[in-house]
Amino acid sequence: YGAKNYERVRAAFKTALTAVMCASIFSFLCYQLFPGQIMSIFGASDPLYLKFAVMYLRIYMFMVFAGGLQPFATYFFTSIGKSRIGTLLTLTRQIVLLVPLLLILPIIFGINGMMYAGPVSDGCAAILAIALMTRELKKQKAEIELKLEQK
């Protein structure tokens, strides 16, 4: 990035994003298809506990496929010297969104509100991360095109 080799930055971005999305989708499938097996690792002596834990795991981890985008975007922006945007993304997911949702949603929806706080936070953070990464990639593409015109 410092050498202004934006084509290389974009290639590394695509490779890393593919790896993150593969891992995120794999995790999503595991949480959705095998929640009973995962939760039984932590103890499943009480059938009522297991039933609740399976439901909670499926709901809370529903947006895990999108949850990989926020840390990816954080590291991306930090690596290109835009750590303020990376910090903003980290704070948005963990503080700005999650904490208020954990406080507000249970008042409105009871225990279900607690379950949905994480996925809502992950989804909103992913939307913000996508918007910021798209903006940055468009800037880089414009720089590439400008460089080509100057040659």
N, C-alpha and C. Protein backbone atom coordinates (compact mmCIF):
# COMPACT_ATOMS: atom_id res chain seq x y z
N TYR A 1 0.83 -1.19 0.00
CA TYR A 1 0.00 0.00 0.00
C TYR A 1 0.86 1.24 0.00
N GLY A 2 1.92 1.22 0.80
CA GLY A 2 2.81 2.37 0.88
C GLY A 2 3.49 2.66 -0.44
N ALA A 3 3.73 1.62 -1.23
CA ALA A 3 4.36 1.79 -2.55
C ALA A 3 3.33 2.18 -3.61
N LYS A 4 2.09 2.34 -3.19
CA LYS A 4 0.98 2.69 -4.10
C LYS A 4 0.75 1.62 -5.17
N ASN A 5 1.07 0.38 -4.84
CA ASN A 5 0.82 -0.74 -5.74
C ASN A 5 -0.57 -1.29 -5.39
N TYR A 6 -1.59 -0.56 -5.80
CA TYR A 6 -2.95 -0.88 -5.40
C TYR A 6 -3.46 -2.17 -6.02
N GLU A 7 -2.93 -2.54 -7.18
CA GLU A 7 -3.33 -3.82 -7.77
C GLU A 7 -2.94 -4.97 -6.85
N ARG A 8 -1.75 -4.88 -6.29
CA ARG A 8 -1.28 -5.92 -5.36
C ARG A 8 -2.10 -5.91 -4.07
N VAL A 9 -2.44 -4.73 -3.60
CA VAL A 9 -3.28 -4.61 -2.40
C VAL A 9 -4.63 -5.25 -2.65
N ARG A 10 -5.21 -4.98 -3.81
CA ARG A 10 -6.52 -5.54 -4.14
C ARG A 10 -6.46 -7.06 -4.28
N ALA A 11 -5.36 -7.57 -4.86
CA ALA A 11 -5.21 -9.02 -4.99
C ALA A 11 -5.09 -9.68 -3.62
N ALA A 12 -4.30 -9.08 -2.73
CA ALA A 12 -4.17 -9.61 -1.37
C ALA A 12 -5.51 -9.52 -0.63
N PHE A 13 -6.22 -8.43 -0.84
CA PHE A 13 -7.53 -8.24 -0.24
C PHE A 13 -8.48 -9.36 -0.65
N LYS A 14 -8.54 -9.63 -1.94
CA LYS A 14 -9.45 -10.67 -2.45
C LYS A 14 -9.09 -12.05 -1.90
N THR A 15 -7.80 -12.36 -1.85
CA THR A 15 -7.36 -13.65 -1.33
C THR A 15 -7.74 -13.80 0.14
N ALA A 16 -7.45 -12.77 0.93
CA ALA A 16 -7.75 -12.81 2.36
C ALA A 16 -9.25 -12.84 2.61
N LEU A 17 -10.00 -12.07 1.84
CA LEU A 17 -11.46 -12.05 2.01
C LEU A 17 -12.05 -13.43 1.68
N THR A 18 -11.54 -14.07 0.66
CA THR A 18 -12.01 -15.42 0.31
C THR A 18 -11.75 -16.38 1.46
N ALA A 19 -10.56 -16.32 2.05
CA ALA A 19 -10.24 -17.20 3.19
C ALA A 19 -11.15 -16.91 4.38
N VAL A 20 -11.37 -15.64 4.68
CA VAL A 20 -12.24 -15.26 5.81
C VAL A 20 -13.66 -15.75 5.57
N MET A 21 -14.17 -15.56 4.37
CA MET A 21 -15.54 -15.97 4.09
C MET A 21 -15.69 -17.49 4.10
N CYS A 22 -14.69 -18.21 3.62
CA CYS A 22 -14.75 -19.68 3.69
C CYS A 22 -14.80 -20.15 5.14
N ALA A 23 -13.93 -19.59 5.97
CA ALA A 23 -13.92 -19.96 7.39
C ALA A 23 -15.23 -19.57 8.07
N SER A 24 -15.75 -18.40 7.74
CA SER A 24 -17.00 -17.93 8.35
C SER A 24 -18.18 -18.80 7.94
N ILE A 25 -18.24 -19.15 6.67
CA ILE A 25 -19.34 -20.00 6.19
C ILE A 25 -19.23 -21.40 6.79
N PHE A 26 -18.02 -21.92 6.88
CA PHE A 26 -17.82 -23.23 7.52
C PHE A 26 -18.31 -23.18 8.98
N SER A 27 -17.94 -22.12 9.70
CA SER A 27 -18.39 -21.97 11.09
C SER A 27 -19.90 -21.88 11.17
N PHE A 28 -20.50 -21.09 10.29
CA PHE A 28 -21.95 -20.95 10.25
C PHE A 28 -22.61 -22.32 10.06
N LEU A 29 -22.11 -23.09 9.10
CA LEU A 29 -22.70 -24.40 8.85
C LEU A 29 -22.57 -25.32 10.06
N CYS A 30 -21.42 -25.28 10.71
CA CYS A 30 -21.22 -26.10 11.92
C CYS A 30 -22.22 -25.72 13.00
N TYR A 31 -22.37 -24.42 13.25
CA TYR A 31 -23.27 -23.96 14.31
C TYR A 31 -24.73 -24.26 13.99
N GLN A 32 -25.08 -24.22 12.72
CA GLN A 32 -26.47 -24.45 12.35
C GLN A 32 -26.80 -25.93 12.20
N LEU A 33 -25.83 -26.72 11.74
CA LEU A 33 -26.10 -28.14 11.49
C LEU A 33 -25.78 -29.05 12.68
N PHE A 34 -24.84 -28.64 13.54
CA PHE A 34 -24.39 -29.51 14.63
C PHE A 34 -24.41 -28.81 16.00
N PRO A 35 -25.42 -28.02 16.30
CA PRO A 35 -25.39 -27.31 17.58
C PRO A 35 -25.47 -28.25 18.79
N GLY A 36 -26.21 -29.33 18.66
CA GLY A 36 -26.32 -30.29 19.77
C GLY A 36 -24.98 -30.93 20.10
N GLN A 37 -24.26 -31.29 19.08
CA GLN A 37 -22.95 -31.91 19.29
C GLN A 37 -21.97 -30.90 19.89
N ILE A 38 -22.03 -29.68 19.42
CA ILE A 38 -21.13 -28.64 19.95
C ILE A 38 -21.45 -28.37 21.41
N MET A 39 -22.72 -28.22 21.73
CA MET A 39 -23.11 -27.90 23.10
C MET A 39 -22.89 -29.08 24.04
N SER A 40 -22.96 -30.29 23.54
CA SER A 40 -22.75 -31.44 24.42
C SER A 40 -21.31 -31.52 24.92
N ILE A 41 -20.39 -30.85 24.25
CA ILE A 41 -19.00 -30.78 24.72
C ILE A 41 -18.96 -30.12 26.09
N PHE A 42 -19.85 -29.17 26.31
CA PHE A 42 -19.87 -28.40 27.55
C PHE A 42 -20.77 -28.99 28.62
N GLY A 43 -21.38 -30.10 28.31
CA GLY A 43 -22.25 -30.77 29.28
C GLY A 43 -23.68 -30.80 28.77
N ALA A 44 -24.26 -31.96 28.77
CA ALA A 44 -25.62 -32.11 28.27
C ALA A 44 -26.42 -33.04 29.15
N SER A 45 -26.17 -33.00 30.44
CA SER A 45 -26.86 -33.92 31.34
C SER A 45 -28.34 -33.57 31.49
N ASP A 46 -28.69 -32.31 31.34
CA ASP A 46 -30.08 -31.87 31.47
C ASP A 46 -30.66 -31.61 30.08
N PRO A 47 -31.67 -32.37 29.67
CA PRO A 47 -32.26 -32.18 28.33
C PRO A 47 -32.81 -30.76 28.11
N LEU A 48 -33.36 -30.15 29.16
CA LEU A 48 -33.88 -28.80 29.03
C LEU A 48 -32.75 -27.80 28.76
N TYR A 49 -31.62 -27.99 29.46
CA TYR A 49 -30.44 -27.15 29.22
C TYR A 49 -29.98 -27.29 27.78
N LEU A 50 -29.89 -28.51 27.31
CA LEU A 50 -29.41 -28.76 25.95
C LEU A 50 -30.35 -28.14 24.93
N LYS A 51 -31.63 -28.26 25.14
CA LYS A 51 -32.61 -27.68 24.21
C LYS A 51 -32.44 -26.16 24.14
N PHE A 52 -32.33 -25.52 25.29
CA PHE A 52 -32.14 -24.07 25.33
C PHE A 52 -30.81 -23.69 24.70
N ALA A 53 -29.75 -24.40 25.05
CA ALA A 53 -28.41 -24.09 24.54
C ALA A 53 -28.33 -24.22 23.03
N VAL A 54 -28.97 -25.24 22.48
CA VAL A 54 -28.98 -25.44 21.03
C VAL A 54 -29.71 -24.28 20.35
N MET A 55 -30.85 -23.91 20.89
CA MET A 55 -31.61 -22.79 20.32
C MET A 55 -30.79 -21.50 20.41
N TYR A 56 -30.19 -21.26 21.56
CA TYR A 56 -29.41 -20.05 21.78
C TYR A 56 -28.20 -20.00 20.84
N LEU A 57 -27.51 -21.12 20.71
CA LEU A 57 -26.33 -21.17 19.84
C LEU A 57 -26.72 -20.88 18.40
N ARG A 58 -27.79 -21.49 17.93
CA ARG A 58 -28.23 -21.26 16.55
C ARG A 58 -28.56 -19.79 16.30
N ILE A 59 -29.25 -19.18 17.24
CA ILE A 59 -29.64 -17.78 17.08
C ILE A 59 -28.42 -16.87 17.22
N TYR A 60 -27.68 -17.01 18.30
CA TYR A 60 -26.58 -16.09 18.58
C TYR A 60 -25.49 -16.17 17.52
N MET A 61 -25.28 -17.33 16.96
CA MET A 61 -24.22 -17.50 15.97
C MET A 61 -24.75 -17.43 14.52
N PHE A 62 -25.98 -16.98 14.35
CA PHE A 62 -26.58 -16.95 13.02
C PHE A 62 -25.81 -16.06 12.05
N MET A 63 -25.30 -14.94 12.52
CA MET A 63 -24.60 -14.01 11.63
C MET A 63 -23.09 -14.22 11.63
N VAL A 64 -22.63 -15.39 12.09
CA VAL A 64 -21.19 -15.64 12.13
C VAL A 64 -20.58 -15.58 10.74
N PHE A 65 -21.35 -15.90 9.70
CA PHE A 65 -20.81 -15.81 8.35
C PHE A 65 -20.49 -14.36 7.98
N ALA A 66 -21.23 -13.42 8.53
CA ALA A 66 -20.95 -12.00 8.30
C ALA A 66 -20.01 -11.45 9.37
N GLY A 67 -19.95 -12.13 10.50
CA GLY A 67 -19.12 -11.66 11.61
C GLY A 67 -17.64 -11.63 11.30
N GLY A 68 -17.20 -12.39 10.33
CA GLY A 68 -15.80 -12.38 9.93
C GLY A 68 -15.40 -11.12 9.18
N LEU A 69 -16.39 -10.43 8.63
CA LEU A 69 -16.10 -9.23 7.85
C LEU A 69 -15.57 -8.08 8.71
N GLN A 70 -16.13 -7.93 9.88
CA GLN A 70 -15.73 -6.79 10.73
C GLN A 70 -14.27 -6.90 11.17
N PRO A 71 -13.82 -8.03 11.72
CA PRO A 71 -12.39 -8.10 12.06
C PRO A 71 -11.50 -8.01 10.82
N PHE A 72 -11.93 -8.60 9.72
CA PHE A 72 -11.17 -8.52 8.48
C PHE A 72 -10.99 -7.06 8.06
N ALA A 73 -12.10 -6.32 8.07
CA ALA A 73 -12.04 -4.91 7.68
C ALA A 73 -11.16 -4.11 8.65
N THR A 74 -11.25 -4.44 9.94
CA THR A 74 -10.42 -3.76 10.94
C THR A 74 -8.94 -3.95 10.61
N TYR A 75 -8.54 -5.18 10.36
CA TYR A 75 -7.14 -5.47 10.05
C TYR A 75 -6.74 -4.85 8.71
N PHE A 76 -7.64 -4.87 7.75
CA PHE A 76 -7.36 -4.28 6.44
C PHE A 76 -7.04 -2.80 6.58
N PHE A 77 -7.91 -2.08 7.26
CA PHE A 77 -7.70 -0.64 7.39
C PHE A 77 -6.46 -0.32 8.24
N THR A 78 -6.23 -1.11 9.24
CA THR A 78 -5.03 -0.91 10.05
C THR A 78 -3.77 -1.15 9.22
N SER A 79 -3.80 -2.17 8.38
CA SER A 79 -2.62 -2.52 7.58
C SER A 79 -2.32 -1.49 6.50
N ILE A 80 -3.32 -0.72 6.07
CA ILE A 80 -3.06 0.30 5.05
C ILE A 80 -2.89 1.68 5.69
N GLY A 81 -2.69 1.69 7.01
CA GLY A 81 -2.40 2.95 7.69
C GLY A 81 -3.62 3.77 8.04
N LYS A 82 -4.79 3.16 8.02
CA LYS A 82 -6.03 3.87 8.36
C LYS A 82 -6.61 3.25 9.63
N SER A 83 -5.81 3.31 10.68
CA SER A 83 -6.19 2.65 11.93
C SER A 83 -7.41 3.29 12.59
N ARG A 84 -7.68 4.54 12.31
CA ARG A 84 -8.89 5.18 12.89
C ARG A 84 -10.15 4.50 12.40
N ILE A 85 -10.16 4.16 11.13
CA ILE A 85 -11.33 3.44 10.58
C ILE A 85 -11.40 2.04 11.19
N GLY A 86 -10.25 1.39 11.33
CA GLY A 86 -10.21 0.07 11.96
C GLY A 86 -10.72 0.11 13.39
N THR A 87 -10.30 1.13 14.12
CA THR A 87 -10.76 1.29 15.51
C THR A 87 -12.26 1.57 15.54
N LEU A 88 -12.73 2.40 14.63
CA LEU A 88 -14.16 2.69 14.54
C LEU A 88 -14.95 1.40 14.34
N LEU A 89 -14.48 0.55 13.44
CA LEU A 89 -15.18 -0.71 13.18
C LEU A 89 -15.21 -1.61 14.41
N THR A 90 -14.09 -1.70 15.11
CA THR A 90 -14.04 -2.51 16.32
C THR A 90 -15.01 -1.98 17.38
N LEU A 91 -14.97 -0.69 17.60
CA LEU A 91 -15.84 -0.09 18.61
C LEU A 91 -17.30 -0.18 18.23
N THR A 92 -17.58 -0.07 16.93
CA THR A 92 -18.97 -0.13 16.47
C THR A 92 -19.59 -1.47 16.83
N ARG A 93 -18.91 -2.55 16.55
CA ARG A 93 -19.48 -3.87 16.81
C ARG A 93 -19.55 -4.18 18.30
N GLN A 94 -18.47 -3.91 19.01
CA GLN A 94 -18.38 -4.37 20.39
C GLN A 94 -18.95 -3.40 21.42
N ILE A 95 -18.90 -2.13 21.16
CA ILE A 95 -19.35 -1.14 22.15
C ILE A 95 -20.60 -0.41 21.69
N VAL A 96 -20.50 0.25 20.54
CA VAL A 96 -21.58 1.11 20.06
C VAL A 96 -22.86 0.32 19.80
N LEU A 97 -22.75 -0.88 19.27
CA LEU A 97 -23.94 -1.67 18.94
C LEU A 97 -24.27 -2.73 19.99
N LEU A 98 -23.31 -3.58 20.32
CA LEU A 98 -23.60 -4.74 21.15
C LEU A 98 -24.07 -4.37 22.56
N VAL A 99 -23.36 -3.49 23.23
CA VAL A 99 -23.73 -3.16 24.61
C VAL A 99 -25.14 -2.56 24.68
N PRO A 100 -25.47 -1.55 23.87
CA PRO A 100 -26.86 -1.03 23.94
C PRO A 100 -27.91 -2.09 23.58
N LEU A 101 -27.60 -2.92 22.58
CA LEU A 101 -28.55 -3.97 22.22
C LEU A 101 -28.74 -4.97 23.35
N LEU A 102 -27.66 -5.30 24.05
CA LEU A 102 -27.77 -6.22 25.20
C LEU A 102 -28.59 -5.61 26.33
N LEU A 103 -28.60 -4.30 26.41
CA LEU A 103 -29.38 -3.63 27.46
C LEU A 103 -30.83 -3.38 27.05
N ILE A 104 -31.05 -3.07 25.78
CA ILE A 104 -32.38 -2.68 25.32
C ILE A 104 -33.24 -3.86 24.88
N LEU A 105 -32.70 -4.74 24.06
CA LEU A 105 -33.51 -5.81 23.49
C LEU A 105 -34.14 -6.74 24.54
N PRO A 106 -33.43 -7.09 25.63
CA PRO A 106 -34.09 -7.94 26.64
C PRO A 106 -35.29 -7.26 27.31
N ILE A 107 -35.27 -5.95 27.42
CA ILE A 107 -36.41 -5.23 27.99
C ILE A 107 -37.63 -5.39 27.08
N ILE A 108 -37.38 -5.34 25.79
CA ILE A 108 -38.48 -5.42 24.81
C ILE A 108 -38.90 -6.86 24.54
N PHE A 109 -37.92 -7.76 24.37
CA PHE A 109 -38.20 -9.13 23.93
C PHE A 109 -37.87 -10.21 24.95
N GLY A 110 -37.49 -9.83 26.16
CA GLY A 110 -37.12 -10.81 27.16
C GLY A 110 -35.82 -11.51 26.80
N ILE A 111 -35.70 -12.77 27.17
CA ILE A 111 -34.47 -13.52 26.91
C ILE A 111 -34.18 -13.61 25.41
N ASN A 112 -35.21 -13.61 24.60
CA ASN A 112 -34.99 -13.64 23.15
C ASN A 112 -34.24 -12.39 22.68
N GLY A 113 -34.48 -11.26 23.33
CA GLY A 113 -33.75 -10.04 23.00
C GLY A 113 -32.27 -10.20 23.24
N MET A 114 -31.92 -10.90 24.31
CA MET A 114 -30.50 -11.17 24.60
C MET A 114 -29.89 -12.03 23.50
N MET A 115 -30.67 -13.01 23.03
CA MET A 115 -30.17 -13.90 22.00
C MET A 115 -29.93 -13.18 20.68
N TYR A 116 -30.76 -12.22 20.36
CA TYR A 116 -30.66 -11.55 19.07
C TYR A 116 -29.69 -10.37 19.07
N ALA A 117 -29.20 -9.95 20.21
CA ALA A 117 -28.28 -8.80 20.27
C ALA A 117 -27.01 -9.05 19.47
N GLY A 118 -26.42 -10.21 19.62
CA GLY A 118 -25.18 -10.52 18.90
C GLY A 118 -25.35 -10.54 17.39
N PRO A 119 -26.34 -11.28 16.86
CA PRO A 119 -26.51 -11.31 15.41
C PRO A 119 -26.86 -9.94 14.82
N VAL A 120 -27.67 -9.17 15.53
CA VAL A 120 -28.02 -7.84 15.03
C VAL A 120 -26.77 -6.96 14.98
N SER A 121 -25.97 -7.02 16.04
CA SER A 121 -24.73 -6.26 16.09
C SER A 121 -23.77 -6.70 14.98
N ASP A 122 -23.62 -8.01 14.80
CA ASP A 122 -22.75 -8.54 13.75
C ASP A 122 -23.22 -8.10 12.36
N GLY A 123 -24.51 -8.18 12.14
CA GLY A 123 -25.06 -7.79 10.83
C GLY A 123 -24.85 -6.32 10.53
N CYS A 124 -25.13 -5.47 11.50
CA CYS A 124 -24.94 -4.02 11.31
C CYS A 124 -23.46 -3.69 11.11
N ALA A 125 -22.59 -4.31 11.90
CA ALA A 125 -21.15 -4.07 11.76
C ALA A 125 -20.66 -4.56 10.39
N ALA A 126 -21.20 -5.65 9.91
CA ALA A 126 -20.82 -6.16 8.58
C ALA A 126 -21.24 -5.20 7.49
N ILE A 127 -22.43 -4.63 7.61
CA ILE A 127 -22.91 -3.65 6.62
C ILE A 127 -21.99 -2.43 6.60
N LEU A 128 -21.63 -1.94 7.77
CA LEU A 128 -20.71 -0.80 7.85
C LEU A 128 -19.35 -1.17 7.27
N ALA A 129 -18.83 -2.35 7.60
CA ALA A 129 -17.54 -2.79 7.09
C ALA A 129 -17.56 -2.89 5.57
N ILE A 130 -18.63 -3.45 5.02
CA ILE A 130 -18.75 -3.57 3.56
C ILE A 130 -18.76 -2.19 2.91
N ALA A 131 -19.52 -1.27 3.50
CA ALA A 131 -19.60 0.08 2.94
C ALA A 131 -18.23 0.76 2.95
N LEU A 132 -17.52 0.67 4.06
CA LEU A 132 -16.20 1.32 4.17
C LEU A 132 -15.16 0.65 3.26
N MET A 133 -15.19 -0.68 3.20
CA MET A 133 -14.24 -1.37 2.31
C MET A 133 -14.54 -1.07 0.85
N THR A 134 -15.80 -1.02 0.49
CA THR A 134 -16.18 -0.70 -0.89
C THR A 134 -15.69 0.70 -1.26
N ARG A 135 -15.88 1.64 -0.35
CA ARG A 135 -15.41 3.01 -0.60
C ARG A 135 -13.90 3.04 -0.80
N GLU A 136 -13.17 2.33 0.06
CA GLU A 136 -11.70 2.31 -0.05
C GLU A 136 -11.26 1.64 -1.34
N LEU A 137 -11.89 0.55 -1.71
CA LEU A 137 -11.51 -0.15 -2.94
C LEU A 137 -11.81 0.69 -4.18
N LYS A 138 -12.89 1.48 -4.13
CA LYS A 138 -13.19 2.38 -5.25
C LYS A 138 -12.12 3.47 -5.37
N LYS A 139 -11.66 3.98 -4.23
CA LYS A 139 -10.58 4.97 -4.25
C LYS A 139 -9.32 4.36 -4.87
N GLN A 140 -9.00 3.15 -4.47
CA GLN A 140 -7.81 2.49 -5.01
C GLN A 140 -7.96 2.25 -6.51
N LYS A 141 -9.16 1.85 -6.93
CA LYS A 141 -9.40 1.61 -8.36
C LYS A 141 -9.24 2.92 -9.14
N ALA A 142 -9.72 4.01 -8.59
CA ALA A 142 -9.56 5.31 -9.24
C ALA A 142 -8.09 5.67 -9.35
N GLU A 143 -7.31 5.37 -8.32
CA GLU A 143 -5.86 5.63 -8.35
C GLU A 143 -5.19 4.77 -9.42
N ILE A 144 -5.60 3.53 -9.56
CA ILE A 144 -5.05 2.64 -10.59
C ILE A 144 -5.35 3.21 -11.97
N GLU A 145 -6.59 3.63 -12.19
CA GLU A 145 -6.99 4.17 -13.49
C GLU A 145 -6.24 5.46 -13.78
N LEU A 146 -6.06 6.30 -12.78
CA LEU A 146 -5.33 7.55 -12.96
C LEU A 146 -3.87 7.25 -13.33
N LYS A 147 -3.29 6.27 -12.68
CA LYS A 147 -1.90 5.88 -12.96
C LYS A 147 -1.77 5.38 -14.41
N LEU A 148 -2.78 4.60 -14.86
CA LEU A 148 -2.75 4.09 -16.23
C LEU A 148 -2.90 5.21 -17.25
N GLU A 149 -3.73 6.21 -16.95
CA GLU A 149 -3.91 7.34 -17.85
C GLU A 149 -2.65 8.17 -17.97
N GLN A 150 -1.89 8.25 -16.90
CA GLN A 150 -0.67 9.06 -16.90
C GLN A 150 0.46 8.41 -17.67
N LYS A 151 0.36 7.11 -17.91
CA LYS A 151 1.42 6.39 -18.65
C LYS A 151 1.31 6.60 -20.10
